[in-house]
Amino acid sequence: MSDAAEKLRSRNRFAETLPSGLNVTLRLPRIRDCIVAGAIPLPVLSHVAQATQQNGDTPDVSNEDAAHMARYQDEIVRRSVVEIEGEPIEMTLELVGELLDDDYKHIVRFATREAPIPKGQT
C-alpha cells in the first residue's frame, strides 16, 4: 500500500477499548454508503427525520421499523470494526452477533456519532 493511501486510512482509524476490555480499531463508516448499499431502509430514515424534528420526543416505532433499525445498527457495526487486538478483521454479521451487548452499543454510539470522536487517531 502506498504511503498516501496509508496516510488517508490512518485519518479514519480510532483505537478504542470496549467496555469488555477488548481493544479494537474502529473506522467511521459513511452513512451515505450504508444508504446506497440498502443497509438503511427508508422507514429508518423517516423515523430519524421525525425524531430530530420532535425536540427529543421519540415517535412510536413499529415492529417492522425496529427490525430495520436493528439491521442498520448491525451493518454500521460490521463496517466500523477493522481490527481486534491489533489483528485486521473483515467483520461479518455472524461476528457482529458475537459481540457483547455493551460492546455492540459502544460501537453503535461511536459509529453513529452519538459519542464524541476521540482526537487521537491510530
N, C-alpha and C. Protein backbone atom coordinates (compact mmCIF):
# COMPACT_ATOMS: atom_id res chain seq x y z
N MET A 1 0.85 -1.17 0.00
CA MET A 1 0.00 0.00 0.00
C MET A 1 0.90 1.24 0.00
N SER A 2 0.50 2.24 -0.77
CA SER A 2 1.30 3.45 -0.86
C SER A 2 1.23 4.25 0.44
N ASP A 3 2.23 5.10 0.63
CA ASP A 3 2.24 5.96 1.81
C ASP A 3 1.02 6.88 1.84
N ALA A 4 0.63 7.38 0.67
CA ALA A 4 -0.53 8.27 0.61
C ALA A 4 -1.80 7.54 1.03
N ALA A 5 -1.98 6.32 0.54
CA ALA A 5 -3.18 5.54 0.91
C ALA A 5 -3.17 5.24 2.40
N GLU A 6 -2.02 4.89 2.93
CA GLU A 6 -1.92 4.60 4.37
C GLU A 6 -2.22 5.85 5.19
N LYS A 7 -1.72 6.99 4.74
CA LYS A 7 -1.98 8.25 5.46
C LYS A 7 -3.47 8.57 5.45
N LEU A 8 -4.11 8.36 4.31
CA LEU A 8 -5.54 8.61 4.20
C LEU A 8 -6.32 7.70 5.13
N ARG A 9 -6.00 6.41 5.13
CA ARG A 9 -6.70 5.47 6.00
C ARG A 9 -6.48 5.79 7.47
N SER A 10 -5.27 6.19 7.82
CA SER A 10 -4.96 6.43 9.23
C SER A 10 -5.76 7.59 9.81
N ARG A 11 -6.24 8.47 8.99
CA ARG A 11 -7.03 9.60 9.47
C ARG A 11 -8.43 9.18 9.91
N ASN A 12 -8.82 7.97 9.56
CA ASN A 12 -10.15 7.48 9.92
C ASN A 12 -10.04 6.18 10.70
N ARG A 13 -9.04 6.06 11.55
CA ARG A 13 -8.85 4.89 12.40
C ARG A 13 -8.70 5.36 13.84
N PHE A 14 -9.47 4.73 14.72
CA PHE A 14 -9.51 5.16 16.11
C PHE A 14 -9.36 3.94 17.01
N ALA A 15 -8.37 3.98 17.89
CA ALA A 15 -8.18 2.89 18.85
C ALA A 15 -9.18 3.09 19.99
N GLU A 16 -9.92 2.04 20.29
CA GLU A 16 -10.92 2.10 21.35
C GLU A 16 -10.80 0.85 22.21
N THR A 17 -11.02 1.00 23.50
CA THR A 17 -11.16 -0.15 24.38
C THR A 17 -12.64 -0.26 24.71
N LEU A 18 -13.22 -1.38 24.34
CA LEU A 18 -14.65 -1.59 24.55
C LEU A 18 -14.92 -1.87 26.02
N PRO A 19 -16.16 -1.75 26.47
CA PRO A 19 -16.48 -1.98 27.89
C PRO A 19 -15.99 -3.33 28.42
N SER A 20 -15.91 -4.34 27.56
CA SER A 20 -15.45 -5.66 28.00
C SER A 20 -13.93 -5.72 28.16
N GLY A 21 -13.23 -4.67 27.71
CA GLY A 21 -11.77 -4.66 27.76
C GLY A 21 -11.13 -5.03 26.44
N LEU A 22 -11.92 -5.41 25.45
CA LEU A 22 -11.42 -5.78 24.14
C LEU A 22 -10.91 -4.52 23.43
N ASN A 23 -9.69 -4.60 22.89
CA ASN A 23 -9.11 -3.47 22.16
C ASN A 23 -9.43 -3.63 20.68
N VAL A 24 -10.01 -2.59 20.11
CA VAL A 24 -10.40 -2.62 18.70
C VAL A 24 -9.93 -1.34 18.02
N THR A 25 -9.84 -1.42 16.72
CA THR A 25 -9.65 -0.23 15.90
C THR A 25 -10.92 -0.05 15.11
N LEU A 26 -11.49 1.14 15.22
CA LEU A 26 -12.74 1.45 14.55
C LEU A 26 -12.51 2.49 13.46
N ARG A 27 -13.34 2.44 12.47
CA ARG A 27 -13.38 3.50 11.46
C ARG A 27 -14.78 4.06 11.48
N LEU A 28 -14.91 5.31 11.10
CA LEU A 28 -16.23 5.92 10.99
C LEU A 28 -16.80 5.61 9.61
N PRO A 29 -17.84 4.79 9.55
CA PRO A 29 -18.41 4.48 8.24
C PRO A 29 -19.18 5.68 7.70
N ARG A 30 -19.25 5.76 6.41
CA ARG A 30 -20.06 6.80 5.79
C ARG A 30 -21.51 6.34 5.81
N ILE A 31 -22.35 7.11 6.41
CA ILE A 31 -23.76 6.77 6.47
C ILE A 31 -24.31 6.67 5.04
N ARG A 32 -23.83 7.52 4.18
CA ARG A 32 -24.26 7.51 2.77
C ARG A 32 -23.99 6.15 2.14
N ASP A 33 -22.84 5.54 2.43
CA ASP A 33 -22.51 4.24 1.87
C ASP A 33 -23.49 3.18 2.33
N CYS A 34 -23.93 3.27 3.57
CA CYS A 34 -24.92 2.32 4.09
C CYS A 34 -26.27 2.51 3.40
N ILE A 35 -26.62 3.75 3.10
CA ILE A 35 -27.88 4.02 2.41
C ILE A 35 -27.83 3.44 1.00
N VAL A 36 -26.74 3.72 0.28
CA VAL A 36 -26.60 3.25 -1.09
C VAL A 36 -26.60 1.72 -1.14
N ALA A 37 -25.97 1.09 -0.16
CA ALA A 37 -25.92 -0.38 -0.12
C ALA A 37 -27.25 -0.98 0.29
N GLY A 38 -28.22 -0.14 0.63
CA GLY A 38 -29.53 -0.64 1.04
C GLY A 38 -29.58 -1.06 2.49
N ALA A 39 -28.54 -0.73 3.24
CA ALA A 39 -28.49 -1.14 4.64
C ALA A 39 -29.31 -0.22 5.55
N ILE A 40 -29.74 0.92 5.03
CA ILE A 40 -30.59 1.81 5.80
C ILE A 40 -31.90 1.96 5.03
N PRO A 41 -32.90 1.20 5.41
CA PRO A 41 -34.17 1.29 4.70
C PRO A 41 -34.83 2.65 4.91
N LEU A 42 -35.64 3.04 3.98
CA LEU A 42 -36.31 4.34 4.05
C LEU A 42 -37.14 4.52 5.32
N PRO A 43 -37.79 3.48 5.87
CA PRO A 43 -38.52 3.71 7.13
C PRO A 43 -37.61 4.19 8.26
N VAL A 44 -36.36 3.73 8.26
CA VAL A 44 -35.42 4.17 9.29
C VAL A 44 -35.10 5.65 9.09
N LEU A 45 -34.85 6.05 7.86
CA LEU A 45 -34.57 7.46 7.59
C LEU A 45 -35.75 8.33 7.97
N SER A 46 -36.96 7.85 7.68
CA SER A 46 -38.16 8.59 8.05
C SER A 46 -38.25 8.74 9.57
N HIS A 47 -37.98 7.65 10.29
CA HIS A 47 -38.03 7.68 11.76
C HIS A 47 -37.01 8.68 12.32
N VAL A 48 -35.80 8.64 11.77
CA VAL A 48 -34.75 9.56 12.23
C VAL A 48 -35.17 11.00 11.96
N ALA A 49 -35.73 11.26 10.79
CA ALA A 49 -36.17 12.62 10.45
C ALA A 49 -37.25 13.09 11.43
N GLN A 50 -38.20 12.21 11.75
CA GLN A 50 -39.25 12.57 12.71
C GLN A 50 -38.67 12.83 14.09
N ALA A 51 -37.74 11.99 14.50
CA ALA A 51 -37.16 12.13 15.84
C ALA A 51 -36.40 13.44 15.99
N THR A 52 -35.72 13.87 14.94
CA THR A 52 -34.95 15.11 15.03
C THR A 52 -35.85 16.34 15.02
N GLN A 53 -37.09 16.20 14.57
CA GLN A 53 -37.99 17.34 14.50
C GLN A 53 -38.92 17.43 15.69
N GLN A 54 -38.84 16.49 16.63
CA GLN A 54 -39.80 16.47 17.72
C GLN A 54 -39.18 16.86 19.06
N ASN A 55 -38.10 17.59 19.04
CA ASN A 55 -37.50 18.12 20.27
C ASN A 55 -37.32 17.06 21.35
N GLY A 56 -36.77 15.92 20.98
CA GLY A 56 -36.48 14.89 21.98
C GLY A 56 -37.60 13.90 22.21
N ASP A 57 -38.81 14.18 21.74
CA ASP A 57 -39.91 13.22 21.87
C ASP A 57 -39.82 12.22 20.72
N THR A 58 -39.41 11.00 21.04
CA THR A 58 -39.23 9.99 20.01
C THR A 58 -40.56 9.45 19.56
N PRO A 59 -40.79 9.42 18.25
CA PRO A 59 -42.06 8.88 17.76
C PRO A 59 -42.13 7.37 17.99
N ASP A 60 -43.36 6.83 18.01
CA ASP A 60 -43.53 5.39 18.17
C ASP A 60 -42.89 4.67 17.00
N VAL A 61 -42.35 3.48 17.30
CA VAL A 61 -41.68 2.67 16.28
C VAL A 61 -42.44 1.36 16.14
N SER A 62 -42.77 1.01 14.91
CA SER A 62 -43.45 -0.26 14.66
C SER A 62 -42.43 -1.39 14.79
N ASN A 63 -42.92 -2.61 14.91
CA ASN A 63 -42.02 -3.77 14.97
C ASN A 63 -41.18 -3.87 13.71
N GLU A 64 -41.78 -3.57 12.58
CA GLU A 64 -41.05 -3.62 11.31
C GLU A 64 -39.94 -2.58 11.28
N ASP A 65 -40.25 -1.36 11.71
CA ASP A 65 -39.23 -0.31 11.74
C ASP A 65 -38.12 -0.67 12.73
N ALA A 66 -38.48 -1.25 13.86
CA ALA A 66 -37.47 -1.67 14.83
C ALA A 66 -36.55 -2.72 14.22
N ALA A 67 -37.09 -3.63 13.44
CA ALA A 67 -36.26 -4.64 12.77
C ALA A 67 -35.33 -3.99 11.75
N HIS A 68 -35.85 -3.00 11.01
CA HIS A 68 -34.99 -2.27 10.06
C HIS A 68 -33.86 -1.56 10.80
N MET A 69 -34.19 -0.94 11.92
CA MET A 69 -33.17 -0.21 12.68
C MET A 69 -32.12 -1.16 13.23
N ALA A 70 -32.53 -2.35 13.66
CA ALA A 70 -31.57 -3.34 14.16
C ALA A 70 -30.63 -3.77 13.04
N ARG A 71 -31.15 -3.99 11.84
CA ARG A 71 -30.30 -4.37 10.71
C ARG A 71 -29.33 -3.23 10.36
N TYR A 72 -29.83 -2.00 10.43
CA TYR A 72 -28.96 -0.84 10.18
C TYR A 72 -27.82 -0.80 11.20
N GLN A 73 -28.13 -0.98 12.48
CA GLN A 73 -27.08 -0.95 13.50
C GLN A 73 -26.09 -2.08 13.30
N ASP A 74 -26.56 -3.27 12.94
CA ASP A 74 -25.65 -4.38 12.66
C ASP A 74 -24.70 -4.02 11.52
N GLU A 75 -25.23 -3.40 10.48
CA GLU A 75 -24.40 -3.03 9.33
C GLU A 75 -23.39 -1.95 9.71
N ILE A 76 -23.81 -0.99 10.52
CA ILE A 76 -22.89 0.05 10.98
C ILE A 76 -21.74 -0.57 11.78
N VAL A 77 -22.06 -1.49 12.68
CA VAL A 77 -21.02 -2.16 13.47
C VAL A 77 -20.11 -2.96 12.56
N ARG A 78 -20.68 -3.69 11.61
CA ARG A 78 -19.89 -4.51 10.69
C ARG A 78 -18.89 -3.64 9.92
N ARG A 79 -19.32 -2.48 9.47
CA ARG A 79 -18.45 -1.61 8.69
C ARG A 79 -17.44 -0.83 9.55
N SER A 80 -17.66 -0.78 10.86
CA SER A 80 -16.82 0.04 11.73
C SER A 80 -15.58 -0.68 12.26
N VAL A 81 -15.71 -1.94 12.61
CA VAL A 81 -14.60 -2.67 13.25
C VAL A 81 -13.63 -3.15 12.17
N VAL A 82 -12.37 -2.67 12.26
CA VAL A 82 -11.37 -3.07 11.26
C VAL A 82 -10.23 -3.89 11.87
N GLU A 83 -10.06 -3.83 13.19
CA GLU A 83 -9.05 -4.63 13.88
C GLU A 83 -9.56 -5.01 15.26
N ILE A 84 -9.19 -6.22 15.69
CA ILE A 84 -9.45 -6.65 17.05
C ILE A 84 -8.13 -7.11 17.64
N GLU A 85 -7.75 -6.50 18.76
CA GLU A 85 -6.48 -6.79 19.41
C GLU A 85 -5.31 -6.72 18.43
N GLY A 86 -5.36 -5.68 17.56
CA GLY A 86 -4.27 -5.43 16.61
C GLY A 86 -4.28 -6.29 15.37
N GLU A 87 -5.24 -7.20 15.25
CA GLU A 87 -5.31 -8.08 14.09
C GLU A 87 -6.41 -7.61 13.14
N PRO A 88 -6.06 -7.34 11.88
CA PRO A 88 -7.08 -6.92 10.92
C PRO A 88 -8.17 -7.98 10.81
N ILE A 89 -9.40 -7.51 10.65
CA ILE A 89 -10.54 -8.42 10.56
C ILE A 89 -11.57 -7.88 9.58
N GLU A 90 -12.16 -8.79 8.84
CA GLU A 90 -13.29 -8.46 7.98
C GLU A 90 -14.53 -8.93 8.72
N MET A 91 -15.23 -8.00 9.34
CA MET A 91 -16.39 -8.35 10.15
C MET A 91 -17.51 -8.89 9.27
N THR A 92 -18.19 -9.89 9.79
CA THR A 92 -19.39 -10.43 9.16
C THR A 92 -20.54 -10.20 10.13
N LEU A 93 -21.76 -10.36 9.65
CA LEU A 93 -22.91 -10.20 10.54
C LEU A 93 -22.89 -11.29 11.62
N GLU A 94 -22.35 -12.45 11.30
CA GLU A 94 -22.23 -13.51 12.31
C GLU A 94 -21.29 -13.07 13.44
N LEU A 95 -20.17 -12.45 13.09
CA LEU A 95 -19.24 -11.96 14.11
C LEU A 95 -19.85 -10.81 14.90
N VAL A 96 -20.61 -9.96 14.25
CA VAL A 96 -21.30 -8.87 14.95
C VAL A 96 -22.17 -9.46 16.06
N GLY A 97 -22.83 -10.58 15.76
CA GLY A 97 -23.69 -11.24 16.74
C GLY A 97 -22.93 -11.81 17.92
N GLU A 98 -21.62 -11.97 17.80
CA GLU A 98 -20.79 -12.50 18.89
C GLU A 98 -20.37 -11.41 19.89
N LEU A 99 -20.54 -10.15 19.52
CA LEU A 99 -20.15 -9.06 20.43
C LEU A 99 -21.05 -9.03 21.65
N LEU A 100 -20.46 -8.72 22.79
CA LEU A 100 -21.26 -8.50 23.99
C LEU A 100 -22.13 -7.25 23.78
N ASP A 101 -23.29 -7.22 24.42
CA ASP A 101 -24.24 -6.13 24.21
C ASP A 101 -23.64 -4.75 24.49
N ASP A 102 -22.90 -4.61 25.59
CA ASP A 102 -22.30 -3.31 25.91
C ASP A 102 -21.27 -2.90 24.87
N ASP A 103 -20.51 -3.85 24.36
CA ASP A 103 -19.53 -3.55 23.31
C ASP A 103 -20.25 -3.12 22.03
N TYR A 104 -21.30 -3.84 21.68
CA TYR A 104 -22.10 -3.53 20.49
C TYR A 104 -22.65 -2.10 20.59
N LYS A 105 -23.25 -1.77 21.72
CA LYS A 105 -23.82 -0.43 21.91
C LYS A 105 -22.75 0.65 21.84
N HIS A 106 -21.57 0.37 22.40
CA HIS A 106 -20.46 1.33 22.36
C HIS A 106 -20.08 1.62 20.90
N ILE A 107 -19.98 0.58 20.10
CA ILE A 107 -19.59 0.76 18.69
C ILE A 107 -20.68 1.51 17.93
N VAL A 108 -21.95 1.20 18.20
CA VAL A 108 -23.05 1.91 17.54
C VAL A 108 -23.00 3.40 17.88
N ARG A 109 -22.81 3.72 19.16
CA ARG A 109 -22.74 5.15 19.57
C ARG A 109 -21.57 5.84 18.88
N PHE A 110 -20.44 5.16 18.79
CA PHE A 110 -19.26 5.73 18.13
C PHE A 110 -19.55 5.95 16.64
N ALA A 111 -20.02 4.90 15.98
CA ALA A 111 -20.19 4.94 14.53
C ALA A 111 -21.29 5.88 14.08
N THR A 112 -22.31 6.07 14.92
CA THR A 112 -23.39 6.98 14.56
C THR A 112 -23.14 8.39 15.09
N ARG A 113 -21.96 8.58 15.63
CA ARG A 113 -21.50 9.89 16.13
C ARG A 113 -22.27 10.37 17.34
N GLU A 114 -22.92 9.45 18.09
CA GLU A 114 -23.59 9.82 19.33
C GLU A 114 -22.57 10.08 20.43
N ALA A 115 -21.44 9.40 20.36
CA ALA A 115 -20.36 9.58 21.34
C ALA A 115 -19.32 10.51 20.73
N PRO A 116 -18.61 11.27 21.55
CA PRO A 116 -17.57 12.15 21.00
C PRO A 116 -16.49 11.32 20.30
N ILE A 117 -16.02 11.85 19.19
CA ILE A 117 -14.95 11.19 18.43
C ILE A 117 -13.62 11.59 19.06
N PRO A 118 -12.79 10.60 19.42
CA PRO A 118 -11.51 10.94 20.06
C PRO A 118 -10.60 11.72 19.11
N LYS A 119 -9.81 12.59 19.68
CA LYS A 119 -8.91 13.42 18.88
C LYS A 119 -7.75 12.60 18.31
N GLY A 120 -7.22 11.66 19.07
CA GLY A 120 -6.05 10.91 18.63
C GLY A 120 -6.42 9.69 17.81
N GLN A 121 -6.01 9.70 16.55
CA GLN A 121 -6.22 8.53 15.72
C GLN A 121 -5.05 7.58 15.89
N THR A 122 -5.26 6.33 15.43
CA THR A 122 -4.17 5.36 15.49
C THR A 122 -3.22 5.59 14.35
